[in-house]
């Protein structure tokens, strides 16, 4: 297990975007459950694909079967480019 809360450094409104690339609600529920097991609050996790809404200190989670790939935003350029680094891979 990884404590993902350490990567949430956005002080004003931290967000966790889950981009599962599937409409399978069972998979989305399992993914949310695994993220909660790894230190995130369920109310922070939202299914969203719009990376432009992320700010520095937020998390972006994608599904790359069979893993969840967790990335943290370390910089957002004034032009809107979002730079991320991989933080963890979680087995789903």
PDB file of N, CA and C in Angstrom:
ATOM      1  N   UNK A   1       0.831  -1.194   0.000  1.00  0.00           N
ATOM      2  CA  UNK A   1       0.000   0.000   0.000  1.00  0.00           C
ATOM      3  C   UNK A   1       0.867   1.245   0.000  1.00  0.00           C
ATOM      4  N   UNK A   2       0.335   2.286  -0.588  1.00  0.00           N
ATOM      5  CA  UNK A   2       1.017   3.562  -0.697  1.00  0.00           C
ATOM      6  C   UNK A   2       0.110   4.626  -0.092  1.00  0.00           C
ATOM      7  N   UNK A   3       0.676   5.535   0.681  1.00  0.00           N
ATOM      8  CA  UNK A   3      -0.121   6.631   1.221  1.00  0.00           C
ATOM      9  C   UNK A   3      -0.175   7.733   0.173  1.00  0.00           C
ATOM     10  N   UNK A   4      -1.227   7.729  -0.634  1.00  0.00           N
ATOM     11  CA  UNK A   4      -1.347   8.693  -1.718  1.00  0.00           C
ATOM     12  C   UNK A   4      -1.638  10.103  -1.225  1.00  0.00           C
ATOM     13  N   UNK A   5      -2.116  10.242  -0.001  1.00  0.00           N
ATOM     14  CA  UNK A   5      -2.445  11.571   0.515  1.00  0.00           C
ATOM     15  C   UNK A   5      -1.210  12.469   0.587  1.00  0.00           C
ATOM     16  N   UNK A   6      -0.022  11.876   0.657  1.00  0.00           N
ATOM     17  CA  UNK A   6       1.200  12.676   0.711  1.00  0.00           C
ATOM     18  C   UNK A   6       1.430  13.468  -0.581  1.00  0.00           C
ATOM     19  N   UNK A   7       0.844  13.030  -1.688  1.00  0.00           N
ATOM     20  CA  UNK A   7       1.007  13.708  -2.967  1.00  0.00           C
ATOM     21  C   UNK A   7       0.006  14.833  -3.171  1.00  0.00           C
ATOM     22  N   UNK A   8      -1.047  14.874  -2.368  1.00  0.00           N
ATOM     23  CA  UNK A   8      -2.056  15.930  -2.475  1.00  0.00           C
ATOM     24  C   UNK A   8      -1.551  17.171  -1.755  1.00  0.00           C
ATOM     25  N   UNK A   9      -0.940  18.058  -2.490  1.00  0.00           N
ATOM     26  CA  UNK A   9      -0.345  19.243  -1.863  1.00  0.00           C
ATOM     27  C   UNK A   9      -1.054  20.530  -2.261  1.00  0.00           C
ATOM     28  N   UNK A  10      -2.156  20.430  -2.983  1.00  0.00           N
ATOM     29  CA  UNK A  10      -2.945  21.602  -3.351  1.00  0.00           C
ATOM     30  C   UNK A  10      -3.652  22.079  -2.082  1.00  0.00           C
ATOM     31  N   UNK A  11      -3.270  23.237  -1.541  1.00  0.00           N
ATOM     32  CA  UNK A  11      -3.824  23.666  -0.249  1.00  0.00           C
ATOM     33  C   UNK A  11      -5.271  24.149  -0.306  1.00  0.00           C
ATOM     34  N   UNK A  12      -5.719  24.669  -1.443  1.00  0.00           N
ATOM     35  CA  UNK A  12      -7.047  25.283  -1.464  1.00  0.00           C
ATOM     36  C   UNK A  12      -8.173  24.292  -1.755  1.00  0.00           C
ATOM     37  N   UNK A  13      -8.040  23.480  -2.783  1.00  0.00           N
ATOM     38  CA  UNK A  13      -9.120  22.574  -3.165  1.00  0.00           C
ATOM     39  C   UNK A  13      -8.515  21.352  -3.861  1.00  0.00           C
ATOM     40  N   UNK A  14      -7.925  20.434  -3.106  1.00  0.00           N
ATOM     41  CA  UNK A  14      -7.273  19.283  -3.746  1.00  0.00           C
ATOM     42  C   UNK A  14      -8.276  18.395  -4.480  1.00  0.00           C
ATOM     43  N   UNK A  15      -7.880  17.954  -5.688  1.00  0.00           N
ATOM     44  CA  UNK A  15      -8.747  17.133  -6.514  1.00  0.00           C
ATOM     45  C   UNK A  15      -8.039  15.838  -6.890  1.00  0.00           C
ATOM     46  N   UNK A  16      -8.831  14.787  -7.045  1.00  0.00           N
ATOM     47  CA  UNK A  16      -8.342  13.510  -7.550  1.00  0.00           C
ATOM     48  C   UNK A  16      -9.242  13.153  -8.726  1.00  0.00           C
ATOM     49  N   UNK A  17      -8.676  13.188  -9.930  1.00  0.00           N
ATOM     50  CA  UNK A  17      -9.441  12.844 -11.125  1.00  0.00           C
ATOM     51  C   UNK A  17      -9.169  11.395 -11.473  1.00  0.00           C
ATOM     52  N   UNK A  18     -10.232  10.625 -11.591  1.00  0.00           N
ATOM     53  CA  UNK A  18     -10.154   9.234 -12.006  1.00  0.00           C
ATOM     54  C   UNK A  18     -10.615   9.161 -13.454  1.00  0.00           C
ATOM     55  N   UNK A  19      -9.723   8.721 -14.334  1.00  0.00           N
ATOM     56  CA  UNK A  19     -10.035   8.611 -15.758  1.00  0.00           C
ATOM     57  C   UNK A  19      -9.938   7.139 -16.160  1.00  0.00           C
ATOM     58  N   UNK A  20     -11.015   6.372 -15.908  1.00  0.00           N
ATOM     59  CA  UNK A  20     -10.943   4.925 -16.110  1.00  0.00           C
ATOM     60  C   UNK A  20     -11.017   4.472 -17.566  1.00  0.00           C
ATOM     61  N   UNK A  21     -11.394   5.355 -18.489  1.00  0.00           N
ATOM     62  CA  UNK A  21     -11.547   5.002 -19.903  1.00  0.00           C
ATOM     63  C   UNK A  21     -12.475   3.806 -20.119  1.00  0.00           C
ATOM     64  N   UNK A  22     -13.491   3.692 -19.305  1.00  0.00           N
ATOM     65  CA  UNK A  22     -14.496   2.646 -19.448  1.00  0.00           C
ATOM     66  C   UNK A  22     -15.784   3.124 -18.790  1.00  0.00           C
ATOM     67  N   UNK A  23     -16.884   2.576 -19.227  1.00  0.00           N
ATOM     68  CA  UNK A  23     -18.164   2.918 -18.599  1.00  0.00           C
ATOM     69  C   UNK A  23     -18.579   1.836 -17.598  1.00  0.00           C
ATOM     70  N   UNK A  24     -17.719   0.887 -17.343  1.00  0.00           N
ATOM     71  CA  UNK A  24     -17.992  -0.210 -16.409  1.00  0.00           C
ATOM     72  C   UNK A  24     -18.038   0.339 -14.981  1.00  0.00           C
ATOM     73  N   UNK A  25     -19.240   0.484 -14.445  1.00  0.00           N
ATOM     74  CA  UNK A  25     -19.403   1.074 -13.114  1.00  0.00           C
ATOM     75  C   UNK A  25     -18.803   0.210 -12.012  1.00  0.00           C
ATOM     76  N   UNK A  26     -18.780  -1.102 -12.208  1.00  0.00           N
ATOM     77  CA  UNK A  26     -18.160  -1.988 -11.221  1.00  0.00           C
ATOM     78  C   UNK A  26     -16.657  -1.715 -11.140  1.00  0.00           C
ATOM     79  N   UNK A  27     -16.028  -1.517 -12.269  1.00  0.00           N
ATOM     80  CA  UNK A  27     -14.601  -1.212 -12.294  1.00  0.00           C
ATOM     81  C   UNK A  27     -14.331   0.137 -11.636  1.00  0.00           C
ATOM     82  N   UNK A  28     -15.168   1.122 -11.922  1.00  0.00           N
ATOM     83  CA  UNK A  28     -15.012   2.448 -11.319  1.00  0.00           C
ATOM     84  C   UNK A  28     -15.152   2.351  -9.806  1.00  0.00           C
ATOM     85  N   UNK A  29     -16.114   1.588  -9.322  1.00  0.00           N
ATOM     86  CA  UNK A  29     -16.314   1.421  -7.878  1.00  0.00           C
ATOM     87  C   UNK A  29     -15.112   0.734  -7.241  1.00  0.00           C
ATOM     88  N   UNK A  30     -14.565  -0.297  -7.895  1.00  0.00           N
ATOM     89  CA  UNK A  30     -13.378  -0.982  -7.372  1.00  0.00           C
ATOM     90  C   UNK A  30     -12.184  -0.039  -7.352  1.00  0.00           C
ATOM     91  N   UNK A  31     -12.044   0.774  -8.390  1.00  0.00           N
ATOM     92  CA  UNK A  31     -10.935   1.721  -8.455  1.00  0.00           C
ATOM     93  C   UNK A  31     -11.029   2.735  -7.313  1.00  0.00           C
ATOM     94  N   UNK A  32     -12.217   3.273  -7.090  1.00  0.00           N
ATOM     95  CA  UNK A  32     -12.402   4.224  -5.988  1.00  0.00           C
ATOM     96  C   UNK A  32     -12.072   3.564  -4.647  1.00  0.00           C
ATOM     97  N   UNK A  33     -12.516   2.332  -4.473  1.00  0.00           N
ATOM     98  CA  UNK A  33     -12.251   1.597  -3.245  1.00  0.00           C
ATOM     99  C   UNK A  33     -10.747   1.420  -3.014  1.00  0.00           C
ATOM    100  N   UNK A  34     -10.022   1.078  -4.060  1.00  0.00           N
ATOM    101  CA  UNK A  34      -8.570   0.886  -3.942  1.00  0.00           C
ATOM    102  C   UNK A  34      -7.874   2.217  -3.612  1.00  0.00           C
ATOM    103  N   UNK A  35      -8.368   3.312  -4.176  1.00  0.00           N
ATOM    104  CA  UNK A  35      -7.775   4.611  -3.877  1.00  0.00           C
ATOM    105  C   UNK A  35      -8.019   5.004  -2.420  1.00  0.00           C
ATOM    106  N   UNK A  36      -9.215   4.697  -1.912  1.00  0.00           N
ATOM    107  CA  UNK A  36      -9.531   4.975  -0.504  1.00  0.00           C
ATOM    108  C   UNK A  36      -8.637   4.126   0.408  1.00  0.00           C
ATOM    109  N   UNK A  37      -8.425   2.857   0.033  1.00  0.00           N
ATOM    110  CA  UNK A  37      -7.534   1.989   0.813  1.00  0.00           C
ATOM    111  C   UNK A  37      -6.114   2.537   0.864  1.00  0.00           C
ATOM    112  N   UNK A  38      -5.747   3.342  -0.128  1.00  0.00           N
ATOM    113  CA  UNK A  38      -4.408   3.896  -0.204  1.00  0.00           C
ATOM    114  C   UNK A  38      -4.334   5.352   0.266  1.00  0.00           C
ATOM    115  N   UNK A  39      -5.274   5.755   1.118  1.00  0.00           N
ATOM    116  CA  UNK A  39      -5.148   7.017   1.831  1.00  0.00           C
ATOM    117  C   UNK A  39      -5.911   8.209   1.303  1.00  0.00           C
ATOM    118  N   UNK A  40      -6.742   8.046   0.269  1.00  0.00           N
ATOM    119  CA  UNK A  40      -7.500   9.178  -0.246  1.00  0.00           C
ATOM    120  C   UNK A  40      -8.925   9.162   0.295  1.00  0.00           C
ATOM    121  N   UNK A  41      -9.524  10.338   0.375  1.00  0.00           N
ATOM    122  CA  UNK A  41     -10.906  10.441   0.837  1.00  0.00           C
ATOM    123  C   UNK A  41     -11.837  10.282  -0.359  1.00  0.00           C
ATOM    124  N   UNK A  42     -12.883   9.470  -0.185  1.00  0.00           N
ATOM    125  CA  UNK A  42     -13.783   9.161  -1.285  1.00  0.00           C
ATOM    126  C   UNK A  42     -14.430  10.410  -1.877  1.00  0.00           C
ATOM    127  N   UNK A  43     -14.745  11.395  -1.041  1.00  0.00           N
ATOM    128  CA  UNK A  43     -15.415  12.599  -1.541  1.00  0.00           C
ATOM    129  C   UNK A  43     -14.516  13.445  -2.449  1.00  0.00           C
ATOM    130  N   UNK A  44     -13.209  13.207  -2.420  1.00  0.00           N
ATOM    131  CA  UNK A  44     -12.281  13.941  -3.292  1.00  0.00           C
ATOM    132  C   UNK A  44     -12.197  13.331  -4.690  1.00  0.00           C
ATOM    133  N   UNK A  45     -12.552  12.065  -4.820  1.00  0.00           N
ATOM    134  CA  UNK A  45     -12.361  11.336  -6.072  1.00  0.00           C
ATOM    135  C   UNK A  45     -13.545  11.585  -7.001  1.00  0.00           C
ATOM    136  N   UNK A  46     -13.263  12.030  -8.209  1.00  0.00           N
ATOM    137  CA  UNK A  46     -14.314  12.248  -9.193  1.00  0.00           C
ATOM    138  C   UNK A  46     -13.877  11.707 -10.552  1.00  0.00           C
ATOM    139  N   UNK A  47     -14.826  11.134 -11.277  1.00  0.00           N
ATOM    140  CA  UNK A  47     -14.539  10.670 -12.623  1.00  0.00           C
ATOM    141  C   UNK A  47     -14.514  11.908 -13.514  1.00  0.00           C
ATOM    142  N   UNK A  48     -13.336  12.184 -14.069  1.00  0.00           N
ATOM    143  CA  UNK A  48     -13.160  13.380 -14.878  1.00  0.00           C
ATOM    144  C   UNK A  48     -11.947  13.176 -15.773  1.00  0.00           C
ATOM    145  N   UNK A  49     -12.060  13.570 -17.021  1.00  0.00           N
ATOM    146  CA  UNK A  49     -10.975  13.399 -17.989  1.00  0.00           C
ATOM    147  C   UNK A  49     -10.308  14.722 -18.359  1.00  0.00           C
ATOM    148  N   UNK A  50     -10.832  15.839 -17.880  1.00  0.00           N
ATOM    149  CA  UNK A  50     -10.357  17.161 -18.272  1.00  0.00           C
ATOM    150  C   UNK A  50      -9.155  17.591 -17.430  1.00  0.00           C
ATOM    151  N   UNK A  51      -7.970  17.287 -17.917  1.00  0.00           N
ATOM    152  CA  UNK A  51      -6.750  17.606 -17.177  1.00  0.00           C
ATOM    153  C   UNK A  51      -6.535  19.108 -17.003  1.00  0.00           C
ATOM    154  N   UNK A  52      -7.193  19.920 -17.838  1.00  0.00           N
ATOM    155  CA  UNK A  52      -7.039  21.371 -17.735  1.00  0.00           C
ATOM    156  C   UNK A  52      -7.598  21.921 -16.423  1.00  0.00           C
ATOM    157  N   UNK A  53      -8.464  21.165 -15.775  1.00  0.00           N
ATOM    158  CA  UNK A  53      -9.048  21.593 -14.498  1.00  0.00           C
ATOM    159  C   UNK A  53      -8.141  21.294 -13.308  1.00  0.00           C
ATOM    160  N   UNK A  54      -7.092  20.527 -13.537  1.00  0.00           N
ATOM    161  CA  UNK A  54      -6.172  20.176 -12.454  1.00  0.00           C
ATOM    162  C   UNK A  54      -5.238  21.340 -12.149  1.00  0.00           C
ATOM    163  N   UNK A  55      -4.825  21.401 -10.902  1.00  0.00           N
ATOM    164  CA  UNK A  55      -3.868  22.409 -10.448  1.00  0.00           C
ATOM    165  C   UNK A  55      -2.661  21.696  -9.847  1.00  0.00           C
ATOM    166  N   UNK A  56      -1.613  22.438  -9.604  1.00  0.00           N
ATOM    167  CA  UNK A  56      -0.431  21.875  -8.965  1.00  0.00           C
ATOM    168  C   UNK A  56      -0.835  21.280  -7.619  1.00  0.00           C
ATOM    169  N   UNK A  57      -0.416  20.032  -7.380  1.00  0.00           N
ATOM    170  CA  UNK A  57      -0.734  19.358  -6.125  1.00  0.00           C
ATOM    171  C   UNK A  57      -1.925  18.429  -6.204  1.00  0.00           C
ATOM    172  N   UNK A  58      -2.567  18.327  -7.375  1.00  0.00           N
ATOM    173  CA  UNK A  58      -3.691  17.414  -7.564  1.00  0.00           C
ATOM    174  C   UNK A  58      -3.198  16.073  -8.095  1.00  0.00           C
ATOM    175  N   UNK A  59      -4.091  15.074  -8.095  1.00  0.00           N
ATOM    176  CA  UNK A  59      -3.756  13.747  -8.610  1.00  0.00           C
ATOM    177  C   UNK A  59      -4.619  13.402  -9.816  1.00  0.00           C
ATOM    178  N   UNK A  60      -4.022  12.673 -10.758  1.00  0.00           N
ATOM    179  CA  UNK A  60      -4.717  12.165 -11.937  1.00  0.00           C
ATOM    180  C   UNK A  60      -4.485  10.665 -11.969  1.00  0.00           C
ATOM    181  N   UNK A  61      -5.564   9.898 -11.978  1.00  0.00           N
ATOM    182  CA  UNK A  61      -5.472   8.438 -11.934  1.00  0.00           C
ATOM    183  C   UNK A  61      -6.093   7.869 -13.208  1.00  0.00           C
ATOM    184  N   UNK A  62      -5.301   7.081 -13.933  1.00  0.00           N
ATOM    185  CA  UNK A  62      -5.820   6.439 -15.140  1.00  0.00           C
ATOM    186  C   UNK A  62      -5.777   4.929 -14.952  1.00  0.00           C
ATOM    187  N   UNK A  63      -6.510   4.248 -15.817  1.00  0.00           N
ATOM    188  CA  UNK A  63      -6.588   2.789 -15.743  1.00  0.00           C
ATOM    189  C   UNK A  63      -5.816   2.210 -16.910  1.00  0.00           C
ATOM    190  N   UNK A  64      -4.766   1.477 -16.605  1.00  0.00           N
ATOM    191  CA  UNK A  64      -3.959   0.779 -17.600  1.00  0.00           C
ATOM    192  C   UNK A  64      -3.972  -0.684 -17.173  1.00  0.00           C
ATOM    193  N   UNK A  65      -4.950  -1.458 -17.693  1.00  0.00           N
ATOM    194  CA  UNK A  65      -5.174  -2.822 -17.186  1.00  0.00           C
ATOM    195  C   UNK A  65      -3.887  -3.606 -16.983  1.00  0.00           C
ATOM    196  N   UNK A  66      -3.714  -4.226 -15.845  1.00  0.00           N
ATOM    197  CA  UNK A  66      -4.634  -4.380 -14.710  1.00  0.00           C
ATOM    198  C   UNK A  66      -4.366  -3.393 -13.577  1.00  0.00           C
ATOM    199  N   UNK A  67      -3.706  -2.281 -13.864  1.00  0.00           N
ATOM    200  CA  UNK A  67      -3.279  -1.352 -12.815  1.00  0.00           C
ATOM    201  C   UNK A  67      -3.946   0.014 -12.924  1.00  0.00           C
ATOM    202  N   UNK A  68      -3.990   0.684 -11.779  1.00  0.00           N
ATOM    203  CA  UNK A  68      -4.306   2.103 -11.740  1.00  0.00           C
ATOM    204  C   UNK A  68      -2.966   2.830 -11.716  1.00  0.00           C
ATOM    205  N   UNK A  69      -2.816   3.811 -12.578  1.00  0.00           N
ATOM    206  CA  UNK A  69      -1.581   4.590 -12.628  1.00  0.00           C
ATOM    207  C   UNK A  69      -1.883   5.941 -11.999  1.00  0.00           C
ATOM    208  N   UNK A  70      -1.189   6.255 -10.903  1.00  0.00           N
ATOM    209  CA  UNK A  70      -1.414   7.495 -10.170  1.00  0.00           C
ATOM    210  C   UNK A  70      -0.297   8.472 -10.519  1.00  0.00           C
ATOM    211  N   UNK A  71      -0.704   9.669 -10.974  1.00  0.00           N
ATOM    212  CA  UNK A  71       0.265  10.719 -11.295  1.00  0.00           C
ATOM    213  C   UNK A  71      -0.089  11.959 -10.492  1.00  0.00           C
ATOM    214  N   UNK A  72       0.949  12.704 -10.094  1.00  0.00           N
ATOM    215  CA  UNK A  72       0.687  13.957  -9.394  1.00  0.00           C
ATOM    216  C   UNK A  72       1.120  15.119 -10.270  1.00  0.00           C
ATOM    217  N   UNK A  73       0.355  16.199 -10.185  1.00  0.00           N
ATOM    218  CA  UNK A  73       0.635  17.398 -10.963  1.00  0.00           C
ATOM    219  C   UNK A  73       1.695  18.195 -10.207  1.00  0.00           C
ATOM    220  N   UNK A  74       2.850  18.378 -10.843  1.00  0.00           N
ATOM    221  CA  UNK A  74       3.903  19.143 -10.181  1.00  0.00           C
ATOM    222  C   UNK A  74       4.038  20.551 -10.744  1.00  0.00           C
ATOM    223  N   UNK A  75       3.389  20.805 -11.885  1.00  0.00           N
ATOM    224  CA  UNK A  75       3.432  22.154 -12.443  1.00  0.00           C
ATOM    225  C   UNK A  75       2.292  22.343 -13.435  1.00  0.00           C
ATOM    226  N   UNK A  76       1.711  23.538 -13.429  1.00  0.00           N
ATOM    227  CA  UNK A  76       0.737  23.913 -14.440  1.00  0.00           C
ATOM    228  C   UNK A  76       1.203  25.238 -15.034  1.00  0.00           C
ATOM    229  N   UNK A  77       1.520  25.207 -16.298  1.00  0.00           N
ATOM    230  CA  UNK A  77       2.042  26.381 -17.005  1.00  0.00           C
ATOM    231  C   UNK A  77       0.908  27.378 -17.272  1.00  0.00           C
ATOM    232  N   UNK A  78       1.236  28.664 -17.386  1.00  0.00           N
ATOM    233  CA  UNK A  78       0.216  29.663 -17.724  1.00  0.00           C
ATOM    234  C   UNK A  78      -0.503  29.349 -19.042  1.00  0.00           C
ATOM    235  N   UNK A  79       0.169  28.639 -19.943  1.00  0.00           N
ATOM    236  CA  UNK A  79      -0.445  28.261 -21.217  1.00  0.00           C
ATOM    237  C   UNK A  79      -1.474  27.144 -21.056  1.00  0.00           C
ATOM    238  N   UNK A  80      -1.538  26.539 -19.859  1.00  0.00           N
ATOM    239  CA  UNK A  80      -2.496  25.476 -19.588  1.00  0.00           C
ATOM    240  C   UNK A  80      -1.899  24.086 -19.614  1.00  0.00           C
ATOM    241  N   UNK A  81      -0.637  23.962 -20.013  1.00  0.00           N
ATOM    242  CA  UNK A  81       0.016  22.655 -20.045  1.00  0.00           C
ATOM    243  C   UNK A  81       0.187  22.141 -18.621  1.00  0.00           C
ATOM    244  N   UNK A  82      -0.246  20.891 -18.414  1.00  0.00           N
ATOM    245  CA  UNK A  82      -0.176  20.262 -17.097  1.00  0.00           C
ATOM    246  C   UNK A  82       0.968  19.249 -17.110  1.00  0.00           C
ATOM    247  N   UNK A  83       1.918  19.421 -16.197  1.00  0.00           N
ATOM    248  CA  UNK A  83       3.039  18.487 -16.112  1.00  0.00           C
ATOM    249  C   UNK A  83       2.819  17.567 -14.925  1.00  0.00           C
ATOM    250  N   UNK A  84       2.987  16.251 -15.180  1.00  0.00           N
ATOM    251  CA  UNK A  84       2.743  15.255 -14.149  1.00  0.00           C
ATOM    252  C   UNK A  84       3.906  14.275 -14.070  1.00  0.00           C
ATOM    253  N   UNK A  85       4.063  13.710 -12.875  1.00  0.00           N
ATOM    254  CA  UNK A  85       5.027  12.639 -12.652  1.00  0.00           C
ATOM    255  C   UNK A  85       4.286  11.445 -12.076  1.00  0.00           C
ATOM    256  N   UNK A  86       4.745  10.272 -12.422  1.00  0.00           N
ATOM    257  CA  UNK A  86       4.140   9.048 -11.900  1.00  0.00           C
ATOM    258  C   UNK A  86       4.441   8.920 -10.414  1.00  0.00           C
ATOM    259  N   UNK A  87       3.417   8.583  -9.626  1.00  0.00           N
ATOM    260  CA  UNK A  87       3.591   8.458  -8.185  1.00  0.00           C
ATOM    261  C   UNK A  87       3.483   7.001  -7.745  1.00  0.00           C
ATOM    262  N   UNK A  88       2.581   6.239  -8.358  1.00  0.00           N
ATOM    263  CA  UNK A  88       2.351   4.865  -7.926  1.00  0.00           C
ATOM    264  C   UNK A  88       1.583   4.091  -8.974  1.00  0.00           C
ATOM    265  N   UNK A  89       1.729   2.764  -8.884  1.00  0.00           N
ATOM    266  CA  UNK A  89       0.928   1.835  -9.684  1.00  0.00           C
ATOM    267  C   UNK A  89       0.215   0.952  -8.662  1.00  0.00           C
ATOM    268  N   UNK A  90      -1.101   0.844  -8.778  1.00  0.00           N
ATOM    269  CA  UNK A  90      -1.886   0.068  -7.829  1.00  0.00           C
ATOM    270  C   UNK A  90      -2.613  -1.035  -8.589  1.00  0.00           C
ATOM    271  N   UNK A  91      -2.445  -2.266  -8.140  1.00  0.00           N
ATOM    272  CA  UNK A  91      -3.149  -3.396  -8.751  1.00  0.00           C
ATOM    273  C   UNK A  91      -4.640  -3.258  -8.496  1.00  0.00           C
ATOM    274  N   UNK A  92      -5.422  -3.438  -9.544  1.00  0.00           N
ATOM    275  CA  UNK A  92      -6.866  -3.356  -9.395  1.00  0.00           C
ATOM    276  C   UNK A  92      -7.402  -4.734  -9.351  1.00  0.00           C
TER     277      UNK A  92
END
